[in-house]
PDB file of N, CA and C in Angstrom:
ATOM      1  N   MET A   1       0.832  -1.171   0.000  1.00  0.00           N
ATOM      2  CA  MET A   1       0.000   0.000   0.000  1.00  0.00           C
ATOM      3  C   MET A   1       0.883   1.242   0.000  1.00  0.00           C
ATOM      4  N   LYS A   2       0.315   2.334  -0.523  1.00  0.00           N
ATOM      5  CA  LYS A   2       1.040   3.598  -0.612  1.00  0.00           C
ATOM      6  C   LYS A   2       0.167   4.718  -0.066  1.00  0.00           C
ATOM      7  N   LYS A   3       0.820   5.664   0.607  1.00  0.00           N
ATOM      8  CA  LYS A   3       0.146   6.882   1.022  1.00  0.00           C
ATOM      9  C   LYS A   3       0.586   7.966   0.053  1.00  0.00           C
ATOM     10  N   ILE A   4      -0.381   8.600  -0.570  1.00  0.00           N
ATOM     11  CA  ILE A   4      -0.109   9.651  -1.534  1.00  0.00           C
ATOM     12  C   ILE A   4      -0.581  10.967  -0.921  1.00  0.00           C
ATOM     13  N   GLU A   5       0.358  11.907  -0.791  1.00  0.00           N
ATOM     14  CA  GLU A   5       0.057  13.231  -0.262  1.00  0.00           C
ATOM     15  C   GLU A   5       0.294  14.234  -1.372  1.00  0.00           C
ATOM     16  N   ALA A   6      -0.718  15.020  -1.664  1.00  0.00           N
ATOM     17  CA  ALA A   6      -0.608  16.027  -2.719  1.00  0.00           C
ATOM     18  C   ALA A   6      -0.847  17.400  -2.122  1.00  0.00           C
ATOM     19  N   ILE A   7       0.070  18.314  -2.379  1.00  0.00           N
ATOM     20  CA  ILE A   7      -0.089  19.711  -1.989  1.00  0.00           C
ATOM     21  C   ILE A   7      -0.538  20.445  -3.244  1.00  0.00           C
ATOM     22  N   ILE A   8      -1.739  21.036  -3.199  1.00  0.00           N
ATOM     23  CA  ILE A   8      -2.326  21.647  -4.398  1.00  0.00           C
ATOM     24  C   ILE A   8      -2.857  23.043  -4.099  1.00  0.00           C
ATOM     25  N   ARG A   9      -3.205  23.753  -5.156  1.00  0.00           N
ATOM     26  CA  ARG A   9      -3.859  25.053  -5.032  1.00  0.00           C
ATOM     27  C   ARG A   9      -5.298  24.818  -4.539  1.00  0.00           C
ATOM     28  N   PRO A  10      -5.796  25.676  -3.648  1.00  0.00           N
ATOM     29  CA  PRO A  10      -7.148  25.454  -3.100  1.00  0.00           C
ATOM     30  C   PRO A  10      -8.263  25.397  -4.150  1.00  0.00           C
ATOM     31  N   PHE A  11      -8.184  26.201  -5.189  1.00  0.00           N
ATOM     32  CA  PHE A  11      -9.266  26.212  -6.173  1.00  0.00           C
ATOM     33  C   PHE A  11      -9.284  24.963  -7.060  1.00  0.00           C
ATOM     34  N   LYS A  12      -8.262  24.115  -6.955  1.00  0.00           N
ATOM     35  CA  LYS A  12      -8.216  22.885  -7.743  1.00  0.00           C
ATOM     36  C   LYS A  12      -8.812  21.683  -7.001  1.00  0.00           C
ATOM     37  N   LEU A  13      -9.278  21.888  -5.772  1.00  0.00           N
ATOM     38  CA  LEU A  13      -9.777  20.767  -4.971  1.00  0.00           C
ATOM     39  C   LEU A  13     -10.902  20.006  -5.663  1.00  0.00           C
ATOM     40  N   GLU A  14     -11.882  20.703  -6.170  1.00  0.00           N
ATOM     41  CA  GLU A  14     -13.021  20.020  -6.783  1.00  0.00           C
ATOM     42  C   GLU A  14     -12.581  19.203  -8.000  1.00  0.00           C
ATOM     43  N   ASP A  15     -11.690  19.755  -8.821  1.00  0.00           N
ATOM     44  CA  ASP A  15     -11.195  19.026  -9.986  1.00  0.00           C
ATOM     45  C   ASP A  15     -10.466  17.755  -9.566  1.00  0.00           C
ATOM     46  N   VAL A  16      -9.639  17.854  -8.522  1.00  0.00           N
ATOM     47  CA  VAL A  16      -8.891  16.687  -8.051  1.00  0.00           C
ATOM     48  C   VAL A  16      -9.841  15.667  -7.447  1.00  0.00           C
ATOM     49  N   LYS A  17     -10.818  16.122  -6.684  1.00  0.00           N
ATOM     50  CA  LYS A  17     -11.792  15.202  -6.080  1.00  0.00           C
ATOM     51  C   LYS A  17     -12.534  14.409  -7.157  1.00  0.00           C
ATOM     52  N   VAL A  18     -13.003  15.097  -8.180  1.00  0.00           N
ATOM     53  CA  VAL A  18     -13.711  14.436  -9.281  1.00  0.00           C
ATOM     54  C   VAL A  18     -12.799  13.431  -9.977  1.00  0.00           C
ATOM     55  N   ALA A  19     -11.554  13.813 -10.214  1.00  0.00           N
ATOM     56  CA  ALA A  19     -10.602  12.903 -10.881  1.00  0.00           C
ATOM     57  C   ALA A  19     -10.358  11.662 -10.035  1.00  0.00           C
ATOM     58  N   LEU A  20     -10.234  11.827  -8.718  1.00  0.00           N
ATOM     59  CA  LEU A  20     -10.008  10.667  -7.850  1.00  0.00           C
ATOM     60  C   LEU A  20     -11.229   9.765  -7.776  1.00  0.00           C
ATOM     61  N   VAL A  21     -12.410  10.356  -7.687  1.00  0.00           N
ATOM     62  CA  VAL A  21     -13.639   9.546  -7.677  1.00  0.00           C
ATOM     63  C   VAL A  21     -13.756   8.777  -8.988  1.00  0.00           C
ATOM     64  N   ASN A  22     -13.456   9.428 -10.100  1.00  0.00           N
ATOM     65  CA  ASN A  22     -13.495   8.750 -11.404  1.00  0.00           C
ATOM     66  C   ASN A  22     -12.453   7.642 -11.502  1.00  0.00           C
ATOM     67  N   ALA A  23     -11.368   7.765 -10.717  1.00  0.00           N
ATOM     68  CA  ALA A  23     -10.327   6.737 -10.703  1.00  0.00           C
ATOM     69  C   ALA A  23     -10.658   5.616  -9.703  1.00  0.00           C
ATOM     70  N   GLY A  24     -11.799   5.721  -9.026  1.00  0.00           N
ATOM     71  CA  GLY A  24     -12.217   4.665  -8.108  1.00  0.00           C
ATOM     72  C   GLY A  24     -11.798   4.871  -6.667  1.00  0.00           C
ATOM     73  N   ILE A  25     -11.282   6.039  -6.346  1.00  0.00           N
ATOM     74  CA  ILE A  25     -10.883   6.325  -4.965  1.00  0.00           C
ATOM     75  C   ILE A  25     -12.106   6.857  -4.227  1.00  0.00           C
ATOM     76  N   VAL A  26     -12.439   6.226  -3.102  1.00  0.00           N
ATOM     77  CA  VAL A  26     -13.669   6.581  -2.405  1.00  0.00           C
ATOM     78  C   VAL A  26     -13.443   7.352  -1.111  1.00  0.00           C
ATOM     79  N   GLY A  27     -12.216   7.505  -0.673  1.00  0.00           N
ATOM     80  CA  GLY A  27     -11.956   8.246   0.558  1.00  0.00           C
ATOM     81  C   GLY A  27     -10.694   9.064   0.451  1.00  0.00           C
ATOM     82  N   MET A  28     -10.711  10.229   1.099  1.00  0.00           N
ATOM     83  CA  MET A  28      -9.532  11.085   1.113  1.00  0.00           C
ATOM     84  C   MET A  28      -9.624  12.000   2.317  1.00  0.00           C
ATOM     85  N   THR A  29      -8.490  12.522   2.723  1.00  0.00           N
ATOM     86  CA  THR A  29      -8.428  13.505   3.789  1.00  0.00           C
ATOM     87  C   THR A  29      -7.879  14.787   3.197  1.00  0.00           C
ATOM     88  N   VAL A  30      -8.517  15.910   3.537  1.00  0.00           N
ATOM     89  CA  VAL A  30      -8.088  17.203   3.026  1.00  0.00           C
ATOM     90  C   VAL A  30      -7.795  18.111   4.215  1.00  0.00           C
ATOM     91  N   SER A  31      -6.621  18.744   4.196  1.00  0.00           N
ATOM     92  CA  SER A  31      -6.217  19.669   5.252  1.00  0.00           C
ATOM     93  C   SER A  31      -5.803  20.993   4.631  1.00  0.00           C
ATOM     94  N   GLU A  32      -6.115  22.082   5.327  1.00  0.00           N
ATOM     95  CA  GLU A  32      -5.618  23.387   4.903  1.00  0.00           C
ATOM     96  C   GLU A  32      -4.212  23.542   5.466  1.00  0.00           C
ATOM     97  N   VAL A  33      -3.274  23.875   4.602  1.00  0.00           N
ATOM     98  CA  VAL A  33      -1.884  24.040   5.015  1.00  0.00           C
ATOM     99  C   VAL A  33      -1.342  25.343   4.443  1.00  0.00           C
ATOM    100  N   ARG A  34      -0.196  25.764   4.938  1.00  0.00           N
ATOM    101  CA  ARG A  34       0.488  26.951   4.426  1.00  0.00           C
ATOM    102  C   ARG A  34       1.925  26.573   4.146  1.00  0.00           C
ATOM    103  N   GLY A  35       2.506  27.179   3.143  1.00  0.00           N
ATOM    104  CA  GLY A  35       3.897  26.893   2.849  1.00  0.00           C
ATOM    105  C   GLY A  35       4.402  27.731   1.688  1.00  0.00           C
ATOM    106  N   PHE A  36       5.648  27.486   1.348  1.00  0.00           N
ATOM    107  CA  PHE A  36       6.211  28.133   0.166  1.00  0.00           C
ATOM    108  C   PHE A  36       7.255  27.217  -0.428  1.00  0.00           C
ATOM    109  N   GLY A  37       7.489  27.407  -1.692  1.00  0.00           N
ATOM    110  CA  GLY A  37       8.494  26.646  -2.419  1.00  0.00           C
ATOM    111  C   GLY A  37       9.337  27.618  -3.211  1.00  0.00           C
ATOM    112  N   ARG A  38       9.462  27.357  -4.481  1.00  0.00           N
ATOM    113  CA  ARG A  38      10.258  28.240  -5.334  1.00  0.00           C
ATOM    114  C   ARG A  38       9.643  29.616  -5.476  1.00  0.00           C
ATOM    115  N   GLN A  39       8.338  29.723  -5.242  1.00  0.00           N
ATOM    116  CA  GLN A  39       7.672  31.017  -5.339  1.00  0.00           C
ATOM    117  C   GLN A  39       8.213  31.994  -4.304  1.00  0.00           C
ATOM    118  N   LYS A  40       8.595  31.477  -3.157  1.00  0.00           N
ATOM    119  CA  LYS A  40       9.067  32.289  -2.035  1.00  0.00           C
ATOM    120  C   LYS A  40       8.041  33.340  -1.637  1.00  0.00           C
ATOM    121  N   GLY A  41       6.770  32.966  -1.624  1.00  0.00           N
ATOM    122  CA  GLY A  41       5.712  33.896  -1.233  1.00  0.00           C
ATOM    123  C   GLY A  41       5.308  34.787  -2.392  1.00  0.00           C
ATOM    124  N   GLN A  42       4.503  35.780  -2.075  1.00  0.00           N
ATOM    125  CA  GLN A  42       4.072  36.701  -3.110  1.00  0.00           C
ATOM    126  C   GLN A  42       3.899  38.090  -2.505  1.00  0.00           C
ATOM    127  N   VAL A  43       4.072  39.107  -3.338  1.00  0.00           N
ATOM    128  CA  VAL A  43       3.942  40.491  -2.893  1.00  0.00           C
ATOM    129  C   VAL A  43       2.501  40.925  -3.121  1.00  0.00           C
ATOM    130  N   GLU A  44       1.881  41.508  -2.082  1.00  0.00           N
ATOM    131  CA  GLU A  44       0.515  42.003  -2.192  1.00  0.00           C
ATOM    132  C   GLU A  44       0.471  43.447  -1.726  1.00  0.00           C
ATOM    133  N   ARG A  45      -0.591  44.152  -2.106  1.00  0.00           N
ATOM    134  CA  ARG A  45      -0.778  45.542  -1.687  1.00  0.00           C
ATOM    135  C   ARG A  45      -2.052  45.629  -0.852  1.00  0.00           C
ATOM    136  N   TYR A  46      -1.964  46.432   0.211  1.00  0.00           N
ATOM    137  CA  TYR A  46      -3.124  46.681   1.045  1.00  0.00           C
ATOM    138  C   TYR A  46      -3.068  48.141   1.472  1.00  0.00           C
ATOM    139  N   ARG A  47      -4.059  48.920   1.058  1.00  0.00           N
ATOM    140  CA  ARG A  47      -4.129  50.347   1.384  1.00  0.00           C
ATOM    141  C   ARG A  47      -2.841  51.085   1.034  1.00  0.00           C
ATOM    142  N   GLY A  48      -2.327  50.792  -0.132  1.00  0.00           N
ATOM    143  CA  GLY A  48      -1.139  51.476  -0.627  1.00  0.00           C
ATOM    144  C   GLY A  48       0.188  50.946  -0.128  1.00  0.00           C
ATOM    145  N   SER A  49       0.173  50.018   0.814  1.00  0.00           N
ATOM    146  CA  SER A  49       1.415  49.458   1.338  1.00  0.00           C
ATOM    147  C   SER A  49       1.665  48.096   0.725  1.00  0.00           C
ATOM    148  N   GLU A  50       2.915  47.849   0.416  1.00  0.00           N
ATOM    149  CA  GLU A  50       3.313  46.553  -0.110  1.00  0.00           C
ATOM    150  C   GLU A  50       3.788  45.670   1.029  1.00  0.00           C
ATOM    151  N   PHE A  51       3.386  44.405   0.995  1.00  0.00           N
ATOM    152  CA  PHE A  51       3.897  43.455   1.965  1.00  0.00           C
ATOM    153  C   PHE A  51       4.006  42.093   1.306  1.00  0.00           C
ATOM    154  N   THR A  52       4.843  41.252   1.868  1.00  0.00           N
ATOM    155  CA  THR A  52       5.071  39.923   1.302  1.00  0.00           C
ATOM    156  C   THR A  52       4.355  38.873   2.132  1.00  0.00           C
ATOM    157  N   VAL A  53       3.569  38.052   1.446  1.00  0.00           N
ATOM    158  CA  VAL A  53       2.937  36.903   2.091  1.00  0.00           C
ATOM    159  C   VAL A  53       3.910  35.748   1.879  1.00  0.00           C
ATOM    160  N   GLU A  54       4.582  35.333   2.946  1.00  0.00           N
ATOM    161  CA  GLU A  54       5.610  34.313   2.814  1.00  0.00           C
ATOM    162  C   GLU A  54       5.040  32.905   2.733  1.00  0.00           C
ATOM    163  N   PHE A  55       3.987  32.643   3.481  1.00  0.00           N
ATOM    164  CA  PHE A  55       3.387  31.313   3.478  1.00  0.00           C
ATOM    165  C   PHE A  55       2.060  31.379   2.746  1.00  0.00           C
ATOM    166  N   LEU A  56       1.985  30.665   1.633  1.00  0.00           N
ATOM    167  CA  LEU A  56       0.797  30.685   0.792  1.00  0.00           C
ATOM    168  C   LEU A  56      -0.177  29.592   1.206  1.00  0.00           C
ATOM    169  N   GLN A  57      -1.475  29.887   1.048  1.00  0.00           N
ATOM    170  CA  GLN A  57      -2.513  28.910   1.337  1.00  0.00           C
ATOM    171  C   GLN A  57      -2.441  27.777   0.316  1.00  0.00           C
ATOM    172  N   LYS A  58      -2.432  26.549   0.808  1.00  0.00           N
ATOM    173  CA  LYS A  58      -2.484  25.361  -0.045  1.00  0.00           C
ATOM    174  C   LYS A  58      -3.402  24.355   0.626  1.00  0.00           C
ATOM    175  N   LEU A  59      -3.722  23.296  -0.083  1.00  0.00           N
ATOM    176  CA  LEU A  59      -4.464  22.179   0.481  1.00  0.00           C
ATOM    177  C   LEU A  59      -3.613  20.935   0.372  1.00  0.00           C
ATOM    178  N   LYS A  60      -3.699  20.075   1.393  1.00  0.00           N
ATOM    179  CA  LYS A  60      -3.012  18.787   1.337  1.00  0.00           C
ATOM    180  C   LYS A  60      -4.077  17.701   1.277  1.00  0.00           C
ATOM    181  N   ILE A  61      -3.989  16.895   0.243  1.00  0.00           N
ATOM    182  CA  ILE A  61      -4.897  15.763   0.068  1.00  0.00           C
ATOM    183  C   ILE A  61      -4.105  14.507   0.370  1.00  0.00           C
ATOM    184  N   GLU A  62      -4.674  13.640   1.186  1.00  0.00           N
ATOM    185  CA  GLU A  62      -4.023  12.378   1.538  1.00  0.00           C
ATOM    186  C   GLU A  62      -4.946  11.219   1.181  1.00  0.00           C
ATOM    187  N   VAL A  63      -4.404  10.241   0.479  1.00  0.00           N
ATOM    188  CA  VAL A  63      -5.132   9.008   0.170  1.00  0.00           C
ATOM    189  C   VAL A  63      -4.179   7.833   0.344  1.00  0.00           C
ATOM    190  N   VAL A  64      -4.728   6.707   0.760  1.00  0.00           N
ATOM    191  CA  VAL A  64      -3.950   5.478   0.847  1.00  0.00           C
ATOM    192  C   VAL A  64      -4.555   4.508  -0.165  1.00  0.00           C
ATOM    193  N   VAL A  65      -3.704   3.966  -1.032  1.00  0.00           N
ATOM    194  CA  VAL A  65      -4.183   3.120  -2.123  1.00  0.00           C
ATOM    195  C   VAL A  65      -3.355   1.841  -2.205  1.00  0.00           C
ATOM    196  N   ALA A  66      -3.912   0.859  -2.876  1.00  0.00           N
ATOM    197  CA  ALA A  66      -3.179  -0.374  -3.163  1.00  0.00           C
ATOM    198  C   ALA A  66      -2.029  -0.044  -4.110  1.00  0.00           C
ATOM    199  N   ASP A  67      -0.961  -0.823  -4.043  1.00  0.00           N
ATOM    200  CA  ASP A  67       0.224  -0.577  -4.881  1.00  0.00           C
ATOM    201  C   ASP A  67      -0.127  -0.476  -6.360  1.00  0.00           C
ATOM    202  N   GLU A  68      -1.052  -1.320  -6.824  1.00  0.00           N
ATOM    203  CA  GLU A  68      -1.372  -1.327  -8.248  1.00  0.00           C
ATOM    204  C   GLU A  68      -2.155  -0.085  -8.697  1.00  0.00           C
ATOM    205  N   SER A  69      -2.697   0.684  -7.763  1.00  0.00           N
ATOM    206  CA  SER A  69      -3.440   1.906  -8.099  1.00  0.00           C
ATOM    207  C   SER A  69      -2.570   3.153  -8.087  1.00  0.00           C
ATOM    208  N   GLU A  70      -1.339   3.033  -7.636  1.00  0.00           N
ATOM    209  CA  GLU A  70      -0.479   4.200  -7.443  1.00  0.00           C
ATOM    210  C   GLU A  70      -0.335   5.052  -8.698  1.00  0.00           C
ATOM    211  N   GLU A  71       0.068   4.474  -9.805  1.00  0.00           N
ATOM    212  CA  GLU A  71       0.311   5.250 -11.026  1.00  0.00           C
ATOM    213  C   GLU A  71      -0.957   5.941 -11.514  1.00  0.00           C
ATOM    214  N   MET A  72      -2.093   5.247 -11.452  1.00  0.00           N
ATOM    215  CA  MET A  72      -3.359   5.817 -11.897  1.00  0.00           C
ATOM    216  C   MET A  72      -3.739   7.034 -11.043  1.00  0.00           C
ATOM    217  N   VAL A  73      -3.533   6.929  -9.730  1.00  0.00           N
ATOM    218  CA  VAL A  73      -3.858   8.030  -8.822  1.00  0.00           C
ATOM    219  C   VAL A  73      -2.910   9.198  -9.041  1.00  0.00           C
ATOM    220  N   LEU A  74      -1.621   8.936  -9.207  1.00  0.00           N
ATOM    221  CA  LEU A  74      -0.659  10.004  -9.484  1.00  0.00           C
ATOM    222  C   LEU A  74      -1.036  10.758 -10.759  1.00  0.00           C
ATOM    223  N   LYS A  75      -1.406  10.026 -11.777  1.00  0.00           N
ATOM    224  CA  LYS A  75      -1.791  10.649 -13.045  1.00  0.00           C
ATOM    225  C   LYS A  75      -3.059  11.483 -12.871  1.00  0.00           C
ATOM    226  N   ALA A  76      -4.040  10.941 -12.169  1.00  0.00           N
ATOM    227  CA  ALA A  76      -5.305  11.659 -11.971  1.00  0.00           C
ATOM    228  C   ALA A  76      -5.083  12.966 -11.217  1.00  0.00           C
ATOM    229  N   ILE A  77      -4.306  12.915 -10.135  1.00  0.00           N
ATOM    230  CA  ILE A  77      -4.057  14.127  -9.347  1.00  0.00           C
ATOM    231  C   ILE A  77      -3.256  15.143 -10.145  1.00  0.00           C
ATOM    232  N   SER A  78      -2.180  14.690 -10.779  1.00  0.00           N
ATOM    233  CA  SER A  78      -1.311  15.640 -11.483  1.00  0.00           C
ATOM    234  C   SER A  78      -2.029  16.311 -12.646  1.00  0.00           C
ATOM    235  N   GLU A  79      -2.848  15.580 -13.367  1.00  0.00           N
ATOM    236  CA  GLU A  79      -3.574  16.183 -14.485  1.00  0.00           C
ATOM    237  C   GLU A  79      -4.647  17.153 -13.998  1.00  0.00           C
ATOM    238  N   ALA A  80      -5.332  16.803 -12.907  1.00  0.00           N
ATOM    239  CA  ALA A  80      -6.417  17.649 -12.411  1.00  0.00           C
ATOM    240  C   ALA A  80      -5.888  18.907 -11.717  1.00  0.00           C
ATOM    241  N   ALA A  81      -4.729  18.830 -11.074  1.00  0.00           N
ATOM    242  CA  ALA A  81      -4.208  19.953 -10.297  1.00  0.00           C
ATOM    243  C   ALA A  81      -3.333  20.900 -11.114  1.00  0.00           C
ATOM    244  N   LYS A  82      -2.965  20.510 -12.312  1.00  0.00           N
ATOM    245  CA  LYS A  82      -2.002  21.287 -13.099  1.00  0.00           C
ATOM    246  C   LYS A  82      -2.623  22.540 -13.708  1.00  0.00           C
ATOM    247  N   THR A  83      -1.922  23.669 -13.514  1.00  0.00           N
ATOM    248  CA  THR A  83      -2.273  24.900 -14.225  1.00  0.00           C
ATOM    249  C   THR A  83      -1.149  25.286 -15.179  1.00  0.00           C
ATOM    250  N   GLY A  84       0.038  24.717 -14.963  1.00  0.00           N
ATOM    251  CA  GLY A  84       1.192  25.062 -15.779  1.00  0.00           C
ATOM    252  C   GLY A  84       1.992  26.224 -15.221  1.00  0.00           C
ATOM    253  N   GLU A  85       1.557  26.774 -14.102  1.00  0.00           N
ATOM    254  CA  GLU A  85       2.242  27.911 -13.483  1.00  0.00           C
ATOM    255  C   GLU A  85       3.035  27.439 -12.269  1.00  0.00           C
ATOM    256  N   ILE A  86       4.034  28.239 -11.887  1.00  0.00           N
ATOM    257  CA  ILE A  86       4.788  27.929 -10.691  1.00  0.00           C
ATOM    258  C   ILE A  86       3.831  27.941  -9.498  1.00  0.00           C
ATOM    259  N   GLY A  87       4.007  26.975  -8.583  1.00  0.00           N
ATOM    260  CA  GLY A  87       3.140  26.896  -7.411  1.00  0.00           C
ATOM    261  C   GLY A  87       2.028  25.878  -7.532  1.00  0.00           C
ATOM    262  N   ASP A  88       2.058  25.049  -8.575  1.00  0.00           N
ATOM    263  CA  ASP A  88       1.021  24.020  -8.732  1.00  0.00           C
ATOM    264  C   ASP A  88       1.062  22.981  -7.623  1.00  0.00           C
ATOM    265  N   GLY A  89       2.214  22.776  -6.987  1.00  0.00           N
ATOM    266  CA  GLY A  89       2.280  21.859  -5.853  1.00  0.00           C
ATOM    267  C   GLY A  89       3.206  20.688  -6.080  1.00  0.00           C
ATOM    268  N   LYS A  90       3.089  19.732  -5.186  1.00  0.00           N
ATOM    269  CA  LYS A  90       3.924  18.529  -5.229  1.00  0.00           C
ATOM    270  C   LYS A  90       3.091  17.334  -4.806  1.00  0.00           C
ATOM    271  N   ILE A  91       3.569  16.151  -5.188  1.00  0.00           N
ATOM    272  CA  ILE A  91       2.951  14.893  -4.760  1.00  0.00           C
ATOM    273  C   ILE A  91       4.047  14.037  -4.141  1.00  0.00           C
ATOM    274  N   PHE A  92       3.765  13.520  -2.951  1.00  0.00           N
ATOM    275  CA  PHE A  92       4.701  12.660  -2.238  1.00  0.00           C
ATOM    276  C   PHE A  92       4.086  11.275  -2.092  1.00  0.00           C
ATOM    277  N   VAL A  93       4.905  10.242  -2.285  1.00  0.00           N
ATOM    278  CA  VAL A  93       4.438   8.864  -2.143  1.00  0.00           C
ATOM    279  C   VAL A  93       5.312   8.163  -1.116  1.00  0.00           C
ATOM    280  N   THR A  94       4.661   7.556  -0.122  1.00  0.00           N
ATOM    281  CA  THR A  94       5.384   6.821   0.913  1.00  0.00           C
ATOM    282  C   THR A  94       4.735   5.458   1.110  1.00  0.00           C
ATOM    283  N   PRO A  95       5.529   4.457   1.487  1.00  0.00           N
ATOM    284  CA  PRO A  95       4.955   3.137   1.747  1.00  0.00           C
ATOM    285  C   PRO A  95       4.158   3.126   3.050  1.00  0.00           C
ATOM    286  N   VAL A  96       3.124   2.305   3.078  1.00  0.00           N
ATOM    287  CA  VAL A  96       2.301   2.117   4.279  1.00  0.00           C
ATOM    288  C   VAL A  96       2.415   0.655   4.669  1.00  0.00           C
ATOM    289  N   ASN A  97       2.827   0.407   5.894  1.00  0.00           N
ATOM    290  CA  ASN A  97       3.015  -0.965   6.354  1.00  0.00           C
ATOM    291  C   ASN A  97       1.715  -1.646   6.725  1.00  0.00           C
ATOM    292  N   SER A  98       0.803  -0.911   7.335  1.00  0.00           N
ATOM    293  CA  SER A  98      -0.431  -1.537   7.792  1.00  0.00           C
ATOM    294  C   SER A  98      -1.514  -0.485   7.970  1.00  0.00           C
ATOM    295  N   VAL A  99      -2.763  -0.921   7.824  1.00  0.00           N
ATOM    296  CA  VAL A  99      -3.931  -0.069   8.031  1.00  0.00           C
ATOM    297  C   VAL A  99      -4.926  -0.858   8.872  1.00  0.00           C
ATOM    298  N   LEU A 100      -5.563  -0.181   9.821  1.00  0.00           N
ATOM    299  CA  LEU A 100      -6.586  -0.813  10.647  1.00  0.00           C
ATOM    300  C   LEU A 100      -7.821   0.070  10.653  1.00  0.00           C
ATOM    301  N   ARG A 101      -8.961  -0.482  10.240  1.00  0.00           N
ATOM    302  CA  ARG A 101     -10.227   0.253  10.325  1.00  0.00           C
ATOM    303  C   ARG A 101     -10.733   0.094  11.746  1.00  0.00           C
ATOM    304  N   ILE A 102     -10.840   1.181  12.477  1.00  0.00           N
ATOM    305  CA  ILE A 102     -11.177   1.141  13.894  1.00  0.00           C
ATOM    306  C   ILE A 102     -12.547   0.513  14.132  1.00  0.00           C
ATOM    307  N   ARG A 103     -13.548   0.900  13.352  1.00  0.00           N
ATOM    308  CA  ARG A 103     -14.918   0.436  13.578  1.00  0.00           C
ATOM    309  C   ARG A 103     -15.065  -1.072  13.474  1.00  0.00           C
ATOM    310  N   THR A 104     -14.454  -1.681  12.456  1.00  0.00           N
ATOM    311  CA  THR A 104     -14.676  -3.106  12.183  1.00  0.00           C
ATOM    312  C   THR A 104     -13.510  -4.000  12.557  1.00  0.00           C
ATOM    313  N   GLY A 105     -12.337  -3.410  12.729  1.00  0.00           N
ATOM    314  CA  GLY A 105     -11.148  -4.215  13.008  1.00  0.00           C
ATOM    315  C   GLY A 105     -10.499  -4.784  11.757  1.00  0.00           C
ATOM    316  N   GLU A 106     -11.024  -4.434  10.563  1.00  0.00           N
ATOM    317  CA  GLU A 106     -10.422  -4.918   9.323  1.00  0.00           C
ATOM    318  C   GLU A 106      -9.018  -4.353   9.195  1.00  0.00           C
ATOM    319  N   ILE A 107      -8.124  -5.131   8.573  1.00  0.00           N
ATOM    320  CA  ILE A 107      -6.756  -4.674   8.403  1.00  0.00           C
ATOM    321  C   ILE A 107      -6.342  -4.699   6.947  1.00  0.00           C
ATOM    322  N   ASP A 108      -5.344  -3.887   6.653  1.00  0.00           N
ATOM    323  CA  ASP A 108      -4.697  -3.783   5.357  1.00  0.00           C
ATOM    324  C   ASP A 108      -5.702  -3.558   4.209  1.00  0.00           C
ATOM    325  N   GLN A 109      -5.647  -4.352   3.146  1.00  0.00           N
ATOM    326  CA  GLN A 109      -6.481  -4.121   1.963  1.00  0.00           C
ATOM    327  C   GLN A 109      -7.965  -4.023   2.315  1.00  0.00           C
ATOM    328  N   ALA A 110      -8.449  -4.858   3.208  1.00  0.00           N
ATOM    329  CA  ALA A 110      -9.866  -4.847   3.586  1.00  0.00           C
ATOM    330  C   ALA A 110     -10.254  -3.533   4.256  1.00  0.00           C
ATOM    331  N   ALA A 111      -9.293  -2.873   4.898  1.00  0.00           N
ATOM    332  CA  ALA A 111      -9.564  -1.629   5.602  1.00  0.00           C
ATOM    333  C   ALA A 111      -9.644  -0.425   4.664  1.00  0.00           C
ATOM    334  N   LEU A 112      -9.118  -0.569   3.461  1.00  0.00           N
ATOM    335  CA  LEU A 112      -9.163   0.546   2.516  1.00  0.00           C
ATOM    336  C   LEU A 112     -10.560   0.695   1.966  1.00  0.00           C
TER     337      LEU A 112
END
C-alpha cells in the first residue's frame, strides 16, 4: 500500500476530487496548510502598502491506495491539479506498512 500526499492550489480541490472519484478512490483527507516553495511567497498591496505573504494557502490531500493503483492516482491528481504555473504543488508517495479500520477491526487491503 502507498500513502499519496498532494499539496495543491485550493481552487483545484473540486477538480482533483472528481478525478479521484473517477479513478475509483472513495476516501480522502483534506487539510488546509500553508507553505512556500520556489515562489518564495508573493507580494501584495493593502491600502497602498506593499507586503510579502511568505506562506501561501495550499491544500493537502491524503489518500492510501493499493500498490497497483499508485500510477493511476498520481496521473489523476497531477492532471487535475495542473495549471502550468509555478506553485502548482507537489505529490509525495510513501509506503504504508499496515492499516486498521477502527470500527470493524479490518486490516490492510480490507480496511481501505
